[in-house]
Amino acid sequence: MNAQLLQPSERLSPGIQPIRDAMAQDFLLSVEGLTVSFDGFKAVNDLSFYVDPNEIRVIIGPNGAGKTTVLDLICGRTRATSGSIQFKGKELTKMSENGIVLAGVGRKFQNPSIYEDLTVFENLEISFPRGRSVFGALTFRRDAEVKDRIEEVAHMIFLADKLDTRAEFLSHGQKQWLEIGMLLIQDPELLMLDEPVAGMSVAERKKTAELLNKIIVGRSVLVIEHDMKFVEDIAHRVTVLHQGKLLSEGSIEHVKSDPKVIEVYLGH
């Protein structure tokens, strides 16, 4: 079902609720009428968009458009003033941050958050799902399943030959890949990345695009990014925000040719 056919007034109508529920099941992520106010300022204002399974969705827009706030709302770091965020039919606005992670949503922030005094192997090991509960931590063993999964993810993130290297000695791009790997080892169905190629070399940006195009089998990726060449390399669909509202949405070709997008973002 095409979500674009539903106008805001229809989304608010009680009679459309069964349709909304059906749509929520069709999409991996359904954001409906999302609004958050800070002292009367609407950082996100009546925003709606939908993410399919196995999709790379990129959110772009000028500084202050509300991009990072959207990720904060989805992962529960910020609470919505109104609206709905449904992930696989579950209403995330009513869940704790930890509950959202356990439901299958992973979030990477702009700066790498890794354990620099640990090796690559140990960083991945400490993120292994089995050891993240109190009981799991007490009974955790570095068995064949753990080793095989760590080696699999390390190969995926281009760090198979760095497993014994302390994270502090990695390049900036490799640290970014390691944090993505720490999320991947938890096997989230929605992976959210905030400016993943900021500060990377051209070669590292190309490999990151390769990585994201490889990991969407069985999951979707939601990316905030300013590097339009990188966006062109990865985006299935692009959502453009401006002043907390949806300005344009569609293929990269569509948004690049949209006069509104050129005026408020690409033209600058």
C-alpha atoms as a PDB file:
ATOM      1  CA  MET A   1       0.000   0.000   0.000  1.00  0.00           C
ATOM      2  CA  ASN A   2       1.373   3.427  -0.911  1.00  0.00           C
ATOM      3  CA  ALA A   3       1.775   5.585   2.193  1.00  0.00           C
ATOM      4  CA  GLN A   4       1.879   8.731   0.094  1.00  0.00           C
ATOM      5  CA  LEU A   5      -1.843   8.392  -0.619  1.00  0.00           C
ATOM      6  CA  LEU A   6      -2.720   9.201   2.990  1.00  0.00           C
ATOM      7  CA  GLN A   7      -2.989  12.909   3.664  1.00  0.00           C
ATOM      8  CA  PRO A   8      -2.371  14.311   7.171  1.00  0.00           C
ATOM      9  CA  SER A   9      -6.089  14.881   7.740  1.00  0.00           C
ATOM     10  CA  GLU A  10      -6.785  11.249   6.818  1.00  0.00           C
ATOM     11  CA  ARG A  11      -4.127  10.014   9.208  1.00  0.00           C
ATOM     12  CA  LEU A  12      -5.914  11.770  12.060  1.00  0.00           C
ATOM     13  CA  SER A  13      -9.319  10.348  11.201  1.00  0.00           C
ATOM     14  CA  PRO A  14     -10.490   7.486  13.503  1.00  0.00           C
ATOM     15  CA  GLY A  15     -11.934   5.714  10.498  1.00  0.00           C
ATOM     16  CA  ILE A  16      -8.516   5.326   8.961  1.00  0.00           C
ATOM     17  CA  GLN A  17      -7.023   3.522  11.985  1.00  0.00           C
ATOM     18  CA  PRO A  18      -7.405  -0.017  10.548  1.00  0.00           C
ATOM     19  CA  ILE A  19      -5.602   1.159   7.403  1.00  0.00           C
ATOM     20  CA  ARG A  20      -2.834   2.665   9.513  1.00  0.00           C
ATOM     21  CA  ASP A  21      -2.413  -0.569  11.436  1.00  0.00           C
ATOM     22  CA  ALA A  22      -2.203  -2.562   8.213  1.00  0.00           C
ATOM     23  CA  MET A  23       0.359  -0.133   6.822  1.00  0.00           C
ATOM     24  CA  ALA A  24       2.457  -0.412   9.965  1.00  0.00           C
ATOM     25  CA  GLN A  25       2.728  -4.148   9.338  1.00  0.00           C
ATOM     26  CA  ASP A  26       3.800  -3.579   5.717  1.00  0.00           C
ATOM     27  CA  PHE A  27       6.653  -1.232   6.632  1.00  0.00           C
ATOM     28  CA  LEU A  28       9.552  -2.004   8.935  1.00  0.00           C
ATOM     29  CA  LEU A  29       9.331   1.532  10.349  1.00  0.00           C
ATOM     30  CA  SER A  30       6.279   3.805  10.222  1.00  0.00           C
ATOM     31  CA  VAL A  31       6.587   7.377  11.499  1.00  0.00           C
ATOM     32  CA  GLU A  32       3.238   9.172  11.669  1.00  0.00           C
ATOM     33  CA  GLY A  33       2.564  12.796  12.632  1.00  0.00           C
ATOM     34  CA  LEU A  34       5.718  12.924  14.761  1.00  0.00           C
ATOM     35  CA  THR A  35       6.177  16.164  16.710  1.00  0.00           C
ATOM     36  CA  VAL A  36       8.496  17.211  19.510  1.00  0.00           C
ATOM     37  CA  SER A  37       8.500  20.647  21.129  1.00  0.00           C
ATOM     38  CA  PHE A  38      11.211  22.213  23.270  1.00  0.00           C
ATOM     39  CA  ASP A  39       9.819  25.237  25.159  1.00  0.00           C
ATOM     40  CA  GLY A  40       7.348  25.861  22.345  1.00  0.00           C
ATOM     41  CA  PHE A  41       9.895  25.351  19.530  1.00  0.00           C
ATOM     42  CA  LYS A  42       8.933  22.442  17.274  1.00  0.00           C
ATOM     43  CA  ALA A  43      12.206  20.721  16.388  1.00  0.00           C
ATOM     44  CA  VAL A  44      10.185  18.072  14.508  1.00  0.00           C
ATOM     45  CA  ASN A  45       6.773  19.101  13.249  1.00  0.00           C
ATOM     46  CA  ASP A  46       4.087  16.632  12.089  1.00  0.00           C
ATOM     47  CA  LEU A  47       6.610  14.421  10.311  1.00  0.00           C
ATOM     48  CA  SER A  48       5.577  11.217   8.545  1.00  0.00           C
ATOM     49  CA  PHE A  49       7.704   8.782   6.570  1.00  0.00           C
ATOM     50  CA  TYR A  50       7.922   5.012   6.031  1.00  0.00           C
ATOM     51  CA  VAL A  51      10.887   2.663   5.686  1.00  0.00           C
ATOM     52  CA  ASP A  52      10.649  -0.683   3.891  1.00  0.00           C
ATOM     53  CA  PRO A  53      12.508  -3.848   4.885  1.00  0.00           C
ATOM     54  CA  ASN A  54      15.982  -4.091   3.298  1.00  0.00           C
ATOM     55  CA  GLU A  55      16.006  -0.372   2.482  1.00  0.00           C
ATOM     56  CA  ILE A  56      18.704   2.249   2.878  1.00  0.00           C
ATOM     57  CA  ARG A  57      16.908   5.501   3.674  1.00  0.00           C
ATOM     58  CA  VAL A  58      18.958   8.679   3.876  1.00  0.00           C
ATOM     59  CA  ILE A  59      17.761  11.802   5.665  1.00  0.00           C
ATOM     60  CA  ILE A  60      19.311  15.060   4.459  1.00  0.00           C
ATOM     61  CA  GLY A  61      18.684  18.729   5.096  1.00  0.00           C
ATOM     62  CA  PRO A  62      20.338  21.909   6.366  1.00  0.00           C
ATOM     63  CA  ASN A  63      21.704  22.251   9.881  1.00  0.00           C
ATOM     64  CA  GLY A  64      18.867  22.582  12.376  1.00  0.00           C
ATOM     65  CA  ALA A  65      16.416  20.701  10.164  1.00  0.00           C
ATOM     66  CA  GLY A  66      15.707  18.142  12.908  1.00  0.00           C
ATOM     67  CA  LYS A  67      17.610  15.193  11.446  1.00  0.00           C
ATOM     68  CA  THR A  68      19.433  14.004  14.558  1.00  0.00           C
ATOM     69  CA  THR A  69      16.339  14.712  16.661  1.00  0.00           C
ATOM     70  CA  VAL A  70      14.431  12.208  14.520  1.00  0.00           C
ATOM     71  CA  LEU A  71      16.963   9.495  15.378  1.00  0.00           C
ATOM     72  CA  ASP A  72      16.779  10.534  19.053  1.00  0.00           C
ATOM     73  CA  LEU A  73      13.006  10.099  18.936  1.00  0.00           C
ATOM     74  CA  ILE A  74      13.167   6.688  17.264  1.00  0.00           C
ATOM     75  CA  CYS A  75      15.692   5.283  19.752  1.00  0.00           C
ATOM     76  CA  GLY A  76      13.844   6.760  22.746  1.00  0.00           C
ATOM     77  CA  ARG A  77      16.542   9.215  23.779  1.00  0.00           C
ATOM     78  CA  THR A  78      14.015  12.028  23.290  1.00  0.00           C
ATOM     79  CA  ARG A  79      10.303  11.637  23.987  1.00  0.00           C
ATOM     80  CA  ALA A  80       7.787  12.729  21.363  1.00  0.00           C
ATOM     81  CA  THR A  81       5.245  15.420  22.158  1.00  0.00           C
ATOM     82  CA  SER A  82       2.790  13.697  19.837  1.00  0.00           C
ATOM     83  CA  GLY A  83       2.672  11.219  16.971  1.00  0.00           C
ATOM     84  CA  SER A  84       3.532   7.575  16.444  1.00  0.00           C
ATOM     85  CA  ILE A  85       6.680   5.559  15.734  1.00  0.00           C
ATOM     86  CA  GLN A  86       5.939   1.937  14.916  1.00  0.00           C
ATOM     87  CA  PHE A  87       8.686  -0.623  14.381  1.00  0.00           C
ATOM     88  CA  LYS A  88       7.419  -4.015  13.183  1.00  0.00           C
ATOM     89  CA  GLY A  89       4.035  -3.013  14.575  1.00  0.00           C
ATOM     90  CA  LYS A  90       5.418  -2.084  18.013  1.00  0.00           C
ATOM     91  CA  GLU A  91       4.824   1.456  19.292  1.00  0.00           C
ATOM     92  CA  LEU A  92       8.289   2.731  20.202  1.00  0.00           C
ATOM     93  CA  THR A  93       7.086   5.949  21.850  1.00  0.00           C
ATOM     94  CA  LYS A  94       5.809   3.838  24.765  1.00  0.00           C
ATOM     95  CA  MET A  95       9.043   1.841  25.196  1.00  0.00           C
ATOM     96  CA  SER A  96      12.262   2.450  27.124  1.00  0.00           C
ATOM     97  CA  GLU A  97      15.575   2.994  25.341  1.00  0.00           C
ATOM     98  CA  ASN A  98      16.738  -0.456  26.388  1.00  0.00           C
ATOM     99  CA  GLY A  99      13.460  -2.003  25.247  1.00  0.00           C
ATOM    100  CA  ILE A 100      13.867  -0.373  21.840  1.00  0.00           C
ATOM    101  CA  VAL A 101      17.376  -1.833  21.511  1.00  0.00           C
ATOM    102  CA  LEU A 102      16.110  -5.280  22.479  1.00  0.00           C
ATOM    103  CA  ALA A 103      13.296  -4.906  19.917  1.00  0.00           C
ATOM    104  CA  GLY A 104      15.934  -4.676  17.172  1.00  0.00           C
ATOM    105  CA  VAL A 105      16.882  -1.001  16.734  1.00  0.00           C
ATOM    106  CA  GLY A 106      20.581  -0.080  16.803  1.00  0.00           C
ATOM    107  CA  ARG A 107      21.939   3.482  16.870  1.00  0.00           C
ATOM    108  CA  LYS A 108      25.367   4.876  16.054  1.00  0.00           C
ATOM    109  CA  PHE A 109      26.139   8.458  17.009  1.00  0.00           C
ATOM    110  CA  GLN A 110      28.366  10.878  15.095  1.00  0.00           C
ATOM    111  CA  ASN A 111      31.563  10.235  17.072  1.00  0.00           C
ATOM    112  CA  PRO A 112      32.853   6.674  17.442  1.00  0.00           C
ATOM    113  CA  SER A 113      32.007   5.157  20.832  1.00  0.00           C
ATOM    114  CA  ILE A 114      34.398   2.257  21.222  1.00  0.00           C
ATOM    115  CA  TYR A 115      36.709   0.895  23.931  1.00  0.00           C
ATOM    116  CA  GLU A 116      40.095   2.170  22.782  1.00  0.00           C
ATOM    117  CA  ASP A 117      42.081   0.169  25.336  1.00  0.00           C
ATOM    118  CA  LEU A 118      40.564  -3.095  24.062  1.00  0.00           C
ATOM    119  CA  THR A 119      41.395  -4.967  20.864  1.00  0.00           C
ATOM    120  CA  VAL A 120      39.037  -5.122  17.912  1.00  0.00           C
ATOM    121  CA  PHE A 121      38.175  -8.694  18.914  1.00  0.00           C
ATOM    122  CA  GLU A 122      37.388  -7.635  22.483  1.00  0.00           C
ATOM    123  CA  ASN A 123      35.245  -4.700  21.351  1.00  0.00           C
ATOM    124  CA  LEU A 124      33.159  -7.046  19.235  1.00  0.00           C
ATOM    125  CA  GLU A 125      33.088  -9.698  21.934  1.00  0.00           C
ATOM    126  CA  ILE A 126      31.789  -7.296  24.585  1.00  0.00           C
ATOM    127  CA  SER A 127      28.897  -6.424  22.259  1.00  0.00           C
ATOM    128  CA  PHE A 128      27.862 -10.034  21.677  1.00  0.00           C
ATOM    129  CA  PRO A 129      24.153 -10.301  22.625  1.00  0.00           C
ATOM    130  CA  ARG A 130      24.583 -13.306  24.905  1.00  0.00           C
ATOM    131  CA  GLY A 131      26.776 -11.347  27.307  1.00  0.00           C
ATOM    132  CA  ARG A 132      24.661  -8.193  27.560  1.00  0.00           C
ATOM    133  CA  SER A 133      22.339  -9.379  30.342  1.00  0.00           C
ATOM    134  CA  VAL A 134      23.435  -9.867  33.976  1.00  0.00           C
ATOM    135  CA  PHE A 135      23.001 -13.637  33.752  1.00  0.00           C
ATOM    136  CA  GLY A 136      24.606 -13.722  30.318  1.00  0.00           C
ATOM    137  CA  ALA A 137      27.639 -11.802  31.571  1.00  0.00           C
ATOM    138  CA  LEU A 138      28.087 -14.217  34.448  1.00  0.00           C
ATOM    139  CA  THR A 139      27.894 -17.304  32.250  1.00  0.00           C
ATOM    140  CA  PHE A 140      29.491 -15.905  29.068  1.00  0.00           C
ATOM    141  CA  ARG A 141      32.094 -18.117  27.402  1.00  0.00           C
ATOM    142  CA  ARG A 142      34.266 -17.424  24.366  1.00  0.00           C
ATOM    143  CA  ASP A 143      33.054 -20.514  22.528  1.00  0.00           C
ATOM    144  CA  ALA A 144      33.153 -21.405  18.842  1.00  0.00           C
ATOM    145  CA  GLU A 145      29.862 -19.614  18.125  1.00  0.00           C
ATOM    146  CA  VAL A 146      31.208 -16.365  19.569  1.00  0.00           C
ATOM    147  CA  LYS A 147      34.539 -16.630  17.730  1.00  0.00           C
ATOM    148  CA  ASP A 148      32.883 -17.482  14.411  1.00  0.00           C
ATOM    149  CA  ARG A 149      30.439 -14.567  14.666  1.00  0.00           C
ATOM    150  CA  ILE A 150      33.199 -12.104  15.589  1.00  0.00           C
ATOM    151  CA  GLU A 151      35.329 -13.250  12.657  1.00  0.00           C
ATOM    152  CA  GLU A 152      32.326 -12.997  10.332  1.00  0.00           C
ATOM    153  CA  VAL A 153      31.562  -9.416  11.398  1.00  0.00           C
ATOM    154  CA  ALA A 154      35.238  -8.405  11.372  1.00  0.00           C
ATOM    155  CA  HIS A 155      35.512  -9.573   7.771  1.00  0.00           C
ATOM    156  CA  MET A 156      32.344  -7.641   6.921  1.00  0.00           C
ATOM    157  CA  ILE A 157      33.721  -4.388   8.370  1.00  0.00           C
ATOM    158  CA  PHE A 158      37.166  -4.766   6.736  1.00  0.00           C
ATOM    159  CA  LEU A 159      38.946  -5.460  10.043  1.00  0.00           C
ATOM    160  CA  ALA A 160      39.607  -9.208   9.762  1.00  0.00           C
ATOM    161  CA  ASP A 161      43.365  -8.564   9.893  1.00  0.00           C
ATOM    162  CA  LYS A 162      43.033  -6.176  12.865  1.00  0.00           C
ATOM    163  CA  LEU A 163      41.380  -8.466  15.429  1.00  0.00           C
ATOM    164  CA  ASP A 164      44.395  -8.334  17.765  1.00  0.00           C
ATOM    165  CA  THR A 165      44.960  -4.589  17.289  1.00  0.00           C
ATOM    166  CA  ARG A 166      44.016  -2.219  20.098  1.00  0.00           C
ATOM    167  CA  ALA A 167      41.247   0.093  18.928  1.00  0.00           C
ATOM    168  CA  GLU A 168      43.267   3.231  19.773  1.00  0.00           C
ATOM    169  CA  PHE A 169      45.631   2.396  16.903  1.00  0.00           C
ATOM    170  CA  LEU A 170      42.898   2.245  14.246  1.00  0.00           C
ATOM    171  CA  SER A 171      42.347   5.068  11.772  1.00  0.00           C
ATOM    172  CA  HIS A 172      39.279   7.271  12.182  1.00  0.00           C
ATOM    173  CA  GLY A 173      37.452   5.371   9.448  1.00  0.00           C
ATOM    174  CA  GLN A 174      38.354   1.999  10.964  1.00  0.00           C
ATOM    175  CA  LYS A 175      37.001   3.160  14.328  1.00  0.00           C
ATOM    176  CA  GLN A 176      33.727   4.059  12.613  1.00  0.00           C
ATOM    177  CA  TRP A 177      33.597   0.596  11.023  1.00  0.00           C
ATOM    178  CA  LEU A 178      34.330  -1.029  14.375  1.00  0.00           C
ATOM    179  CA  GLU A 179      31.385   0.722  16.010  1.00  0.00           C
ATOM    180  CA  ILE A 180      29.144  -0.348  13.136  1.00  0.00           C
ATOM    181  CA  GLY A 181      30.434  -3.885  13.715  1.00  0.00           C
ATOM    182  CA  MET A 182      29.607  -3.639  17.425  1.00  0.00           C
ATOM    183  CA  LEU A 183      26.031  -2.923  16.389  1.00  0.00           C
ATOM    184  CA  LEU A 184      25.954  -5.552  13.644  1.00  0.00           C
ATOM    185  CA  ILE A 185      27.004  -8.300  16.028  1.00  0.00           C
ATOM    186  CA  GLN A 186      23.734  -7.643  17.895  1.00  0.00           C
ATOM    187  CA  ASP A 187      21.895  -8.250  14.587  1.00  0.00           C
ATOM    188  CA  PRO A 188      19.489  -5.262  14.644  1.00  0.00           C
ATOM    189  CA  GLU A 189      16.748  -5.118  12.021  1.00  0.00           C
ATOM    190  CA  LEU A 190      16.981  -1.317  11.900  1.00  0.00           C
ATOM    191  CA  LEU A 191      20.425   0.273  12.019  1.00  0.00           C
ATOM    192  CA  MET A 192      20.580   4.079  12.394  1.00  0.00           C
ATOM    193  CA  LEU A 193      23.800   5.924  11.531  1.00  0.00           C
ATOM    194  CA  ASP A 194      24.449   9.635  12.121  1.00  0.00           C
ATOM    195  CA  GLU A 195      26.960  11.000   9.563  1.00  0.00           C
ATOM    196  CA  PRO A 196      28.958   7.757   9.322  1.00  0.00           C
ATOM    197  CA  VAL A 197      31.536   9.066   6.809  1.00  0.00           C
ATOM    198  CA  ALA A 198      32.329  12.404   8.474  1.00  0.00           C
ATOM    199  CA  GLY A 199      36.113  12.803   8.578  1.00  0.00           C
ATOM    200  CA  MET A 200      36.768   9.793   6.362  1.00  0.00           C
ATOM    201  CA  SER A 201      39.108   9.686   3.390  1.00  0.00           C
ATOM    202  CA  VAL A 202      37.670   9.190  -0.092  1.00  0.00           C
ATOM    203  CA  ALA A 203      38.767   5.536  -0.071  1.00  0.00           C
ATOM    204  CA  GLU A 204      37.148   4.962   3.328  1.00  0.00           C
ATOM    205  CA  ARG A 205      33.898   6.569   2.156  1.00  0.00           C
ATOM    206  CA  LYS A 206      33.784   4.219  -0.820  1.00  0.00           C
ATOM    207  CA  LYS A 207      34.343   1.183   1.412  1.00  0.00           C
ATOM    208  CA  THR A 208      31.656   2.403   3.829  1.00  0.00           C
ATOM    209  CA  ALA A 209      29.198   2.626   0.938  1.00  0.00           C
ATOM    210  CA  GLU A 210      30.184  -0.937   0.014  1.00  0.00           C
ATOM    211  CA  LEU A 211      29.625  -2.013   3.622  1.00  0.00           C
ATOM    212  CA  LEU A 212      26.153  -0.483   3.889  1.00  0.00           C
ATOM    213  CA  ASN A 213      25.036  -1.941   0.574  1.00  0.00           C
ATOM    214  CA  LYS A 214      26.202  -5.346   1.837  1.00  0.00           C
ATOM    215  CA  ILE A 215      24.552  -5.355   5.280  1.00  0.00           C
ATOM    216  CA  ILE A 216      20.962  -4.538   4.259  1.00  0.00           C
ATOM    217  CA  VAL A 217      20.101  -8.181   3.663  1.00  0.00           C
ATOM    218  CA  GLY A 218      17.665  -8.820   6.500  1.00  0.00           C
ATOM    219  CA  ARG A 219      17.747  -5.268   7.839  1.00  0.00           C
ATOM    220  CA  SER A 220      17.137  -1.631   6.953  1.00  0.00           C
ATOM    221  CA  VAL A 221      19.556   1.254   7.444  1.00  0.00           C
ATOM    222  CA  LEU A 222      18.549   4.823   8.270  1.00  0.00           C
ATOM    223  CA  VAL A 223      21.360   7.285   7.597  1.00  0.00           C
ATOM    224  CA  ILE A 224      21.838  11.002   8.230  1.00  0.00           C
ATOM    225  CA  GLU A 225      24.440  12.406   5.875  1.00  0.00           C
ATOM    226  CA  HIS A 226      25.655  15.626   4.241  1.00  0.00           C
ATOM    227  CA  ASP A 227      28.067  14.086   1.720  1.00  0.00           C
ATOM    228  CA  MET A 228      25.882  13.996  -1.385  1.00  0.00           C
ATOM    229  CA  LYS A 229      28.282  11.786  -3.352  1.00  0.00           C
ATOM    230  CA  PHE A 230      28.016   9.214  -0.562  1.00  0.00           C
ATOM    231  CA  VAL A 231      24.227   9.631  -0.532  1.00  0.00           C
ATOM    232  CA  GLU A 232      24.146   8.897  -4.262  1.00  0.00           C
ATOM    233  CA  ASP A 233      26.163   5.719  -3.675  1.00  0.00           C
ATOM    234  CA  ILE A 234      23.865   4.245  -1.008  1.00  0.00           C
ATOM    235  CA  ALA A 235      20.346   5.744  -0.963  1.00  0.00           C
ATOM    236  CA  HIS A 236      17.324   3.781  -2.108  1.00  0.00           C
ATOM    237  CA  ARG A 237      15.143   6.724  -1.061  1.00  0.00           C
ATOM    238  CA  VAL A 238      15.924  10.157   0.340  1.00  0.00           C
ATOM    239  CA  THR A 239      13.892  12.154   2.864  1.00  0.00           C
ATOM    240  CA  VAL A 240      14.616  15.895   2.977  1.00  0.00           C
ATOM    241  CA  LEU A 241      13.851  17.820   6.154  1.00  0.00           C
ATOM    242  CA  HIS A 242      13.619  21.577   6.626  1.00  0.00           C
ATOM    243  CA  GLN A 243      12.672  23.274   9.885  1.00  0.00           C
ATOM    244  CA  GLY A 244      11.454  19.972  11.283  1.00  0.00           C
ATOM    245  CA  LYS A 245       9.084  19.264   8.407  1.00  0.00           C
ATOM    246  CA  LEU A 246       9.140  16.996   5.376  1.00  0.00           C
ATOM    247  CA  LEU A 247      10.289  19.094   2.420  1.00  0.00           C
ATOM    248  CA  SER A 248      10.706  16.409  -0.251  1.00  0.00           C
ATOM    249  CA  GLU A 249      11.020  12.670  -0.592  1.00  0.00           C
ATOM    250  CA  GLY A 250      11.867  10.180  -3.302  1.00  0.00           C
ATOM    251  CA  SER A 251      14.823   8.923  -5.307  1.00  0.00           C
ATOM    252  CA  ILE A 252      18.100  10.838  -5.216  1.00  0.00           C
ATOM    253  CA  GLU A 253      17.379  12.048  -8.755  1.00  0.00           C
ATOM    254  CA  HIS A 254      13.995  13.371  -7.667  1.00  0.00           C
ATOM    255  CA  VAL A 255      15.210  15.321  -4.648  1.00  0.00           C
ATOM    256  CA  LYS A 256      18.265  16.705  -6.462  1.00  0.00           C
ATOM    257  CA  SER A 257      15.993  18.207  -9.101  1.00  0.00           C
ATOM    258  CA  ASP A 258      13.344  19.475  -6.647  1.00  0.00           C
ATOM    259  CA  PRO A 259      13.422  23.324  -6.741  1.00  0.00           C
ATOM    260  CA  LYS A 260      12.523  23.485  -3.014  1.00  0.00           C
ATOM    261  CA  VAL A 261      15.482  21.291  -2.095  1.00  0.00           C
ATOM    262  CA  ILE A 262      17.835  23.278  -4.306  1.00  0.00           C
ATOM    263  CA  GLU A 263      16.638  26.512  -2.731  1.00  0.00           C
ATOM    264  CA  VAL A 264      16.971  25.586   0.939  1.00  0.00           C
ATOM    265  CA  TYR A 265      19.793  23.022   0.857  1.00  0.00           C
ATOM    266  CA  LEU A 266      21.647  21.955  -2.283  1.00  0.00           C
ATOM    267  CA  GLY A 267      21.978  25.493  -3.600  1.00  0.00           C
ATOM    268  CA  HIS A 268      23.995  26.421  -0.515  1.00  0.00           C
END
